[in-house]
């Protein structure tokens, strides 16, 4: 019988549970990192899309010297995904 100062060896079930808990924490950390990277990539894609749309709009307005529905139609289609009947 071990004395009070001596600790008994942890049971195999307890060791297994600790290993599983460590693996779960590693998985959670990896998932957190992946979600952070995905969020950053989506934000960068949104910035690129906005830059392209604004640049294209300025280009068309500058060279067409008029602002009508034909210039605004591509941005409406891209932003909303549908053609607005008012512009037709």
C-alpha atoms as a PDB file:
ATOM      1  CA  UNK A   1       0.000   0.000   0.000  1.00  0.00           C
ATOM      2  CA  UNK A   2       1.543   3.342  -0.997  1.00  0.00           C
ATOM      3  CA  UNK A   3       2.040   5.954   1.644  1.00  0.00           C
ATOM      4  CA  UNK A   4       0.400   9.397   1.471  1.00  0.00           C
ATOM      5  CA  UNK A   5       3.595  11.008   0.116  1.00  0.00           C
ATOM      6  CA  UNK A   6       3.879   8.529  -2.715  1.00  0.00           C
ATOM      7  CA  UNK A   7       1.568   9.005  -5.660  1.00  0.00           C
ATOM      8  CA  UNK A   8       0.198   6.020  -7.440  1.00  0.00           C
ATOM      9  CA  UNK A   9       0.733   5.687 -11.161  1.00  0.00           C
ATOM     10  CA  UNK A  10      -2.124   7.104 -13.232  1.00  0.00           C
ATOM     11  CA  UNK A  11      -4.469   4.531 -14.649  1.00  0.00           C
ATOM     12  CA  UNK A  12      -4.255   3.685 -18.367  1.00  0.00           C
ATOM     13  CA  UNK A  13      -7.768   5.061 -18.889  1.00  0.00           C
ATOM     14  CA  UNK A  14      -6.756   8.404 -17.382  1.00  0.00           C
ATOM     15  CA  UNK A  15      -3.596   8.546 -19.527  1.00  0.00           C
ATOM     16  CA  UNK A  16      -5.631   7.758 -22.623  1.00  0.00           C
ATOM     17  CA  UNK A  17      -8.119  10.511 -21.773  1.00  0.00           C
ATOM     18  CA  UNK A  18      -5.276  13.023 -21.317  1.00  0.00           C
ATOM     19  CA  UNK A  19      -3.818  12.055 -24.710  1.00  0.00           C
ATOM     20  CA  UNK A  20      -7.217  12.421 -26.349  1.00  0.00           C
ATOM     21  CA  UNK A  21      -7.705  15.815 -24.695  1.00  0.00           C
ATOM     22  CA  UNK A  22      -4.324  16.986 -26.006  1.00  0.00           C
ATOM     23  CA  UNK A  23      -5.222  15.806 -29.509  1.00  0.00           C
ATOM     24  CA  UNK A  24      -8.550  17.618 -29.290  1.00  0.00           C
ATOM     25  CA  UNK A  25      -6.801  20.831 -28.261  1.00  0.00           C
ATOM     26  CA  UNK A  26      -4.380  20.500 -31.195  1.00  0.00           C
ATOM     27  CA  UNK A  27      -7.307  19.957 -33.559  1.00  0.00           C
ATOM     28  CA  UNK A  28      -9.108  23.006 -32.174  1.00  0.00           C
ATOM     29  CA  UNK A  29      -5.964  25.124 -32.572  1.00  0.00           C
ATOM     30  CA  UNK A  30      -5.523  23.941 -36.169  1.00  0.00           C
ATOM     31  CA  UNK A  31      -9.162  24.664 -36.959  1.00  0.00           C
ATOM     32  CA  UNK A  32      -8.824  28.139 -35.444  1.00  0.00           C
ATOM     33  CA  UNK A  33      -5.784  28.852 -37.621  1.00  0.00           C
ATOM     34  CA  UNK A  34      -7.512  27.594 -40.770  1.00  0.00           C
ATOM     35  CA  UNK A  35     -10.603  29.709 -40.120  1.00  0.00           C
ATOM     36  CA  UNK A  36      -8.380  32.746 -39.556  1.00  0.00           C
ATOM     37  CA  UNK A  37      -6.544  32.157 -42.845  1.00  0.00           C
ATOM     38  CA  UNK A  38      -9.815  31.630 -44.717  1.00  0.00           C
ATOM     39  CA  UNK A  39     -11.216  34.848 -43.282  1.00  0.00           C
ATOM     40  CA  UNK A  40      -8.109  36.762 -44.324  1.00  0.00           C
ATOM     41  CA  UNK A  41      -8.230  35.294 -47.835  1.00  0.00           C
ATOM     42  CA  UNK A  42     -11.925  36.161 -48.223  1.00  0.00           C
ATOM     43  CA  UNK A  43     -11.273  39.720 -47.094  1.00  0.00           C
ATOM     44  CA  UNK A  44      -8.430  40.049 -49.596  1.00  0.00           C
ATOM     45  CA  UNK A  45     -10.679  38.706 -52.373  1.00  0.00           C
ATOM     46  CA  UNK A  46     -13.370  41.235 -51.445  1.00  0.00           C
ATOM     47  CA  UNK A  47     -10.845  44.064 -51.538  1.00  0.00           C
ATOM     48  CA  UNK A  48      -9.611  42.911 -54.946  1.00  0.00           C
ATOM     49  CA  UNK A  49     -13.169  42.661 -56.284  1.00  0.00           C
ATOM     50  CA  UNK A  50     -14.032  46.135 -55.020  1.00  0.00           C
ATOM     51  CA  UNK A  51     -10.863  47.548 -56.556  1.00  0.00           C
ATOM     52  CA  UNK A  52     -11.586  45.951 -59.930  1.00  0.00           C
ATOM     53  CA  UNK A  53     -15.223  47.100 -59.928  1.00  0.00           C
ATOM     54  CA  UNK A  54     -14.353  50.676 -59.015  1.00  0.00           C
ATOM     55  CA  UNK A  55     -11.525  50.786 -61.552  1.00  0.00           C
ATOM     56  CA  UNK A  56     -13.750  49.400 -64.309  1.00  0.00           C
ATOM     57  CA  UNK A  57     -16.522  51.856 -63.446  1.00  0.00           C
ATOM     58  CA  UNK A  58     -14.134  54.813 -63.528  1.00  0.00           C
ATOM     59  CA  UNK A  59     -12.642  53.565 -66.799  1.00  0.00           C
ATOM     60  CA  UNK A  60     -16.044  53.240 -68.482  1.00  0.00           C
ATOM     61  CA  UNK A  61     -17.334  56.558 -67.208  1.00  0.00           C
ATOM     62  CA  UNK A  62     -14.146  58.339 -68.239  1.00  0.00           C
ATOM     63  CA  UNK A  63     -14.115  57.009 -71.790  1.00  0.00           C
ATOM     64  CA  UNK A  64     -17.847  56.960 -72.471  1.00  0.00           C
ATOM     65  CA  UNK A  65     -18.387  60.581 -71.374  1.00  0.00           C
ATOM     66  CA  UNK A  66     -21.901  59.668 -70.353  1.00  0.00           C
ATOM     67  CA  UNK A  67     -23.472  57.712 -67.551  1.00  0.00           C
ATOM     68  CA  UNK A  68     -26.359  55.484 -68.574  1.00  0.00           C
ATOM     69  CA  UNK A  69     -27.798  52.096 -67.733  1.00  0.00           C
ATOM     70  CA  UNK A  70     -25.356  50.200 -69.940  1.00  0.00           C
ATOM     71  CA  UNK A  71     -22.464  51.366 -67.794  1.00  0.00           C
ATOM     72  CA  UNK A  72     -24.169  50.437 -64.532  1.00  0.00           C
ATOM     73  CA  UNK A  73     -25.559  47.080 -65.677  1.00  0.00           C
ATOM     74  CA  UNK A  74     -22.391  44.943 -65.147  1.00  0.00           C
ATOM     75  CA  UNK A  75     -21.950  46.208 -61.602  1.00  0.00           C
ATOM     76  CA  UNK A  76     -25.623  45.521 -60.850  1.00  0.00           C
ATOM     77  CA  UNK A  77     -25.312  42.003 -62.198  1.00  0.00           C
ATOM     78  CA  UNK A  78     -22.152  41.304 -60.206  1.00  0.00           C
ATOM     79  CA  UNK A  79     -23.395  42.852 -56.965  1.00  0.00           C
ATOM     80  CA  UNK A  80     -26.925  41.486 -56.923  1.00  0.00           C
ATOM     81  CA  UNK A  81     -26.623  38.482 -59.187  1.00  0.00           C
ATOM     82  CA  UNK A  82     -29.748  39.486 -61.111  1.00  0.00           C
ATOM     83  CA  UNK A  83     -30.681  42.037 -63.694  1.00  0.00           C
ATOM     84  CA  UNK A  84     -32.773  44.870 -62.317  1.00  0.00           C
ATOM     85  CA  UNK A  85     -35.893  45.388 -64.467  1.00  0.00           C
ATOM     86  CA  UNK A  86     -35.830  49.154 -63.974  1.00  0.00           C
ATOM     87  CA  UNK A  87     -32.642  49.430 -65.975  1.00  0.00           C
ATOM     88  CA  UNK A  88     -33.932  47.401 -68.936  1.00  0.00           C
END
